[in-house]
Amino acid sequence: MAADNRCWESLELACRTPDGDIELLTSAFATRYHWTFVGGPVETICASSMISRAAAALGEGTLAVAYAKRANTEAREPRVDDWLVASTAEGLARAYAAIRIQELRDEWCAIADDEDRELFASQLATAPR
């Protein structure tokens, strides 16, 4: 989907303009809106995670935490693959870092087992400390 790709492109930019920040968040919400109609649980969880990641990148920690919690709760449903729980744990760590709650950031970092931690270690390395 174009909005999802645009989110990743925006997140990877070294510097965004204020308009670019708005485009990033708008793209993230557009992604989630799209997947609520045509996707399954994995897509909507990933889209909620995208909103959280975009919000964290913009310093909107409260929004980042809200969507990271939603994604993590949904990822714990029986019909969802385990890798998604690890990915949403990374999202929660990133979101708590965005609101500068180091203790909760570290707690979510520690939740994943060694195999899962390796899976998202490179992503988590970009989260603020």
C-alpha atoms as a PDB file:
ATOM      1  CA  MET A   1       0.000   0.000   0.000  1.00  0.00           C
ATOM      2  CA  ALA A   2       1.282   3.443  -0.904  1.00  0.00           C
ATOM      3  CA  ALA A   3       0.537   5.063   2.480  1.00  0.00           C
ATOM      4  CA  ASP A   4       2.459   2.361   4.346  1.00  0.00           C
ATOM      5  CA  ASN A   5       5.455   2.736   2.044  1.00  0.00           C
ATOM      6  CA  ARG A   6       5.293   6.505   2.459  1.00  0.00           C
ATOM      7  CA  CYS A   7       5.412   6.116   6.246  1.00  0.00           C
ATOM      8  CA  TRP A   8       8.597   4.068   6.061  1.00  0.00           C
ATOM      9  CA  GLU A   9      10.167   6.504   3.611  1.00  0.00           C
ATOM     10  CA  SER A  10       9.309   9.423   5.903  1.00  0.00           C
ATOM     11  CA  LEU A  11      10.628   7.649   8.984  1.00  0.00           C
ATOM     12  CA  GLU A  12      13.943   7.010   7.250  1.00  0.00           C
ATOM     13  CA  LEU A  13      14.499  10.653   6.334  1.00  0.00           C
ATOM     14  CA  ALA A  14      17.344  12.290   8.220  1.00  0.00           C
ATOM     15  CA  CYS A  15      15.340  15.504   8.443  1.00  0.00           C
ATOM     16  CA  ARG A  16      11.654  16.183   7.885  1.00  0.00           C
ATOM     17  CA  THR A  17       9.930  19.511   7.460  1.00  0.00           C
ATOM     18  CA  PRO A  18       6.857  20.368   9.564  1.00  0.00           C
ATOM     19  CA  ASP A  19       4.745  19.475   6.510  1.00  0.00           C
ATOM     20  CA  GLY A  20       6.657  16.198   6.269  1.00  0.00           C
ATOM     21  CA  ASP A  21       5.799  15.452   9.888  1.00  0.00           C
ATOM     22  CA  ILE A  22       2.114  15.960   9.149  1.00  0.00           C
ATOM     23  CA  GLU A  23       2.398  13.765   6.061  1.00  0.00           C
ATOM     24  CA  LEU A  24       4.050  11.035   8.138  1.00  0.00           C
ATOM     25  CA  LEU A  25       1.265  10.913  10.696  1.00  0.00           C
ATOM     26  CA  THR A  26      -1.460  11.261   8.080  1.00  0.00           C
ATOM     27  CA  SER A  27       0.041   8.371   6.115  1.00  0.00           C
ATOM     28  CA  ALA A  28       0.117   6.219   9.226  1.00  0.00           C
ATOM     29  CA  PHE A  29      -3.549   6.869   9.957  1.00  0.00           C
ATOM     30  CA  ALA A  30      -4.454   6.293   6.305  1.00  0.00           C
ATOM     31  CA  THR A  31      -2.687   2.937   6.461  1.00  0.00           C
ATOM     32  CA  ARG A  32      -4.695   1.856   9.493  1.00  0.00           C
ATOM     33  CA  TYR A  33      -7.936   3.094   7.997  1.00  0.00           C
ATOM     34  CA  HIS A  34      -7.287   1.098   4.829  1.00  0.00           C
ATOM     35  CA  TRP A  35      -6.403  -2.120   6.650  1.00  0.00           C
ATOM     36  CA  THR A  36      -9.499  -2.014   8.868  1.00  0.00           C
ATOM     37  CA  PHE A  37     -11.518  -2.673   5.705  1.00  0.00           C
ATOM     38  CA  VAL A  38      -9.345  -4.998   3.645  1.00  0.00           C
ATOM     39  CA  GLY A  39      -6.866  -6.581   6.037  1.00  0.00           C
ATOM     40  CA  GLY A  40      -6.846  -9.142   8.759  1.00  0.00           C
ATOM     41  CA  PRO A  41      -5.576  -9.007  12.323  1.00  0.00           C
ATOM     42  CA  VAL A  42      -1.896  -8.891  11.348  1.00  0.00           C
ATOM     43  CA  GLU A  43      -2.386  -5.909   9.059  1.00  0.00           C
ATOM     44  CA  THR A  44      -4.393  -3.894  11.567  1.00  0.00           C
ATOM     45  CA  ILE A  45      -1.891  -4.649  14.335  1.00  0.00           C
ATOM     46  CA  CYS A  46       0.990  -3.580  12.098  1.00  0.00           C
ATOM     47  CA  ALA A  47      -0.917  -0.437  11.137  1.00  0.00           C
ATOM     48  CA  SER A  48      -1.504   0.459  14.803  1.00  0.00           C
ATOM     49  CA  SER A  49       2.199  -0.102  15.367  1.00  0.00           C
ATOM     50  CA  MET A  50       2.951   2.223  12.457  1.00  0.00           C
ATOM     51  CA  ILE A  51       0.864   4.994  14.036  1.00  0.00           C
ATOM     52  CA  SER A  52       2.742   4.457  17.288  1.00  0.00           C
ATOM     53  CA  ARG A  53       6.117   4.541  15.567  1.00  0.00           C
ATOM     54  CA  ALA A  54       5.244   7.684  13.621  1.00  0.00           C
ATOM     55  CA  ALA A  55       3.909   9.407  16.737  1.00  0.00           C
ATOM     56  CA  ALA A  56       7.040   8.474  18.702  1.00  0.00           C
ATOM     57  CA  ALA A  57       9.230   9.860  15.925  1.00  0.00           C
ATOM     58  CA  LEU A  58       7.334  13.137  16.180  1.00  0.00           C
ATOM     59  CA  GLY A  59       7.572  13.317  19.970  1.00  0.00           C
ATOM     60  CA  GLU A  60       3.868  12.599  20.406  1.00  0.00           C
ATOM     61  CA  GLY A  61       4.466  10.107  23.190  1.00  0.00           C
ATOM     62  CA  THR A  62       0.929   9.862  24.547  1.00  0.00           C
ATOM     63  CA  LEU A  63      -0.408   8.951  21.110  1.00  0.00           C
ATOM     64  CA  ALA A  64       2.508   6.562  20.577  1.00  0.00           C
ATOM     65  CA  VAL A  65       1.798   4.738  23.845  1.00  0.00           C
ATOM     66  CA  ALA A  66      -1.948   4.489  23.146  1.00  0.00           C
ATOM     67  CA  TYR A  67      -1.453   2.822  19.760  1.00  0.00           C
ATOM     68  CA  ALA A  68       1.448   0.658  20.952  1.00  0.00           C
ATOM     69  CA  LYS A  69      -0.721  -0.677  23.789  1.00  0.00           C
ATOM     70  CA  ARG A  70      -3.548  -1.369  21.369  1.00  0.00           C
ATOM     71  CA  ALA A  71      -1.235  -3.224  18.993  1.00  0.00           C
ATOM     72  CA  ASN A  72       0.306  -5.274  21.798  1.00  0.00           C
ATOM     73  CA  THR A  73      -3.076  -6.243  23.235  1.00  0.00           C
ATOM     74  CA  GLU A  74      -4.329  -7.323  19.807  1.00  0.00           C
ATOM     75  CA  ALA A  75      -1.095  -9.224  19.117  1.00  0.00           C
ATOM     76  CA  ARG A  76      -1.714 -11.404  22.172  1.00  0.00           C
ATOM     77  CA  GLU A  77      -4.875 -12.877  20.696  1.00  0.00           C
ATOM     78  CA  PRO A  78      -4.602 -16.613  19.968  1.00  0.00           C
ATOM     79  CA  ARG A  79      -4.961 -16.204  16.191  1.00  0.00           C
ATOM     80  CA  VAL A  80      -1.830 -14.024  15.890  1.00  0.00           C
ATOM     81  CA  ASP A  81       1.750 -15.222  15.328  1.00  0.00           C
ATOM     82  CA  ASP A  82       4.257 -14.890  18.185  1.00  0.00           C
ATOM     83  CA  TRP A  83       6.639 -12.680  16.192  1.00  0.00           C
ATOM     84  CA  LEU A  84       4.058  -9.926  16.314  1.00  0.00           C
ATOM     85  CA  VAL A  85       4.095  -9.895  20.126  1.00  0.00           C
ATOM     86  CA  ALA A  86       7.843  -9.260  20.027  1.00  0.00           C
ATOM     87  CA  SER A  87       7.402  -6.538  17.444  1.00  0.00           C
ATOM     88  CA  THR A  88       4.737  -4.781  19.504  1.00  0.00           C
ATOM     89  CA  ALA A  89       6.938  -5.038  22.609  1.00  0.00           C
ATOM     90  CA  GLU A  90       9.552  -3.096  20.657  1.00  0.00           C
ATOM     91  CA  GLY A  91       6.844  -0.579  19.817  1.00  0.00           C
ATOM     92  CA  LEU A  92       5.951  -0.154  23.474  1.00  0.00           C
ATOM     93  CA  ALA A  93       9.610   0.344  24.379  1.00  0.00           C
ATOM     94  CA  ARG A  94       9.894   2.983  21.657  1.00  0.00           C
ATOM     95  CA  ALA A  95       6.667   4.692  22.758  1.00  0.00           C
ATOM     96  CA  TYR A  96       7.724   4.852  26.407  1.00  0.00           C
ATOM     97  CA  ALA A  97      11.071   6.232  25.307  1.00  0.00           C
ATOM     98  CA  ALA A  98       9.179   8.981  23.478  1.00  0.00           C
ATOM     99  CA  ILE A  99       7.571  10.092  26.743  1.00  0.00           C
ATOM    100  CA  ARG A 100      10.847   9.616  28.582  1.00  0.00           C
ATOM    101  CA  ILE A 101       9.761   6.854  30.933  1.00  0.00           C
ATOM    102  CA  GLN A 102      13.028   4.923  30.959  1.00  0.00           C
ATOM    103  CA  GLU A 103      11.845   2.294  33.451  1.00  0.00           C
ATOM    104  CA  LEU A 104       8.937   1.199  31.240  1.00  0.00           C
ATOM    105  CA  ARG A 105      11.116   1.381  28.131  1.00  0.00           C
ATOM    106  CA  ASP A 106      13.590  -0.984  29.744  1.00  0.00           C
ATOM    107  CA  GLU A 107      10.822  -3.235  31.046  1.00  0.00           C
ATOM    108  CA  TRP A 108       9.419  -3.729  27.548  1.00  0.00           C
ATOM    109  CA  CYS A 109      12.911  -4.320  26.188  1.00  0.00           C
ATOM    110  CA  ALA A 110      13.400  -7.113  28.702  1.00  0.00           C
ATOM    111  CA  ILE A 111      10.098  -8.870  27.965  1.00  0.00           C
ATOM    112  CA  ALA A 112      11.157 -10.473  24.709  1.00  0.00           C
ATOM    113  CA  ASP A 113      13.082 -13.724  24.838  1.00  0.00           C
ATOM    114  CA  ASP A 114      16.551 -13.905  23.302  1.00  0.00           C
ATOM    115  CA  GLU A 115      15.342 -15.038  19.876  1.00  0.00           C
ATOM    116  CA  ASP A 116      12.682 -12.324  19.667  1.00  0.00           C
ATOM    117  CA  ARG A 117      15.079  -9.692  21.008  1.00  0.00           C
ATOM    118  CA  GLU A 118      17.438 -10.458  18.150  1.00  0.00           C
ATOM    119  CA  LEU A 119      14.537 -10.032  15.738  1.00  0.00           C
ATOM    120  CA  PHE A 120      13.930  -6.426  16.689  1.00  0.00           C
ATOM    121  CA  ALA A 121      17.282  -5.369  18.148  1.00  0.00           C
ATOM    122  CA  SER A 122      18.128  -3.220  15.147  1.00  0.00           C
ATOM    123  CA  GLN A 123      14.741  -1.492  15.331  1.00  0.00           C
ATOM    124  CA  LEU A 124      15.059  -0.866  19.043  1.00  0.00           C
ATOM    125  CA  ALA A 125      18.530   0.577  18.565  1.00  0.00           C
ATOM    126  CA  THR A 126      16.915   3.591  16.918  1.00  0.00           C
ATOM    127  CA  ALA A 127      14.535   4.250  19.836  1.00  0.00           C
ATOM    128  CA  PRO A 128      15.410   7.197  22.052  1.00  0.00           C
ATOM    129  CA  ARG A 129      16.912   6.385  25.454  1.00  0.00           C
END
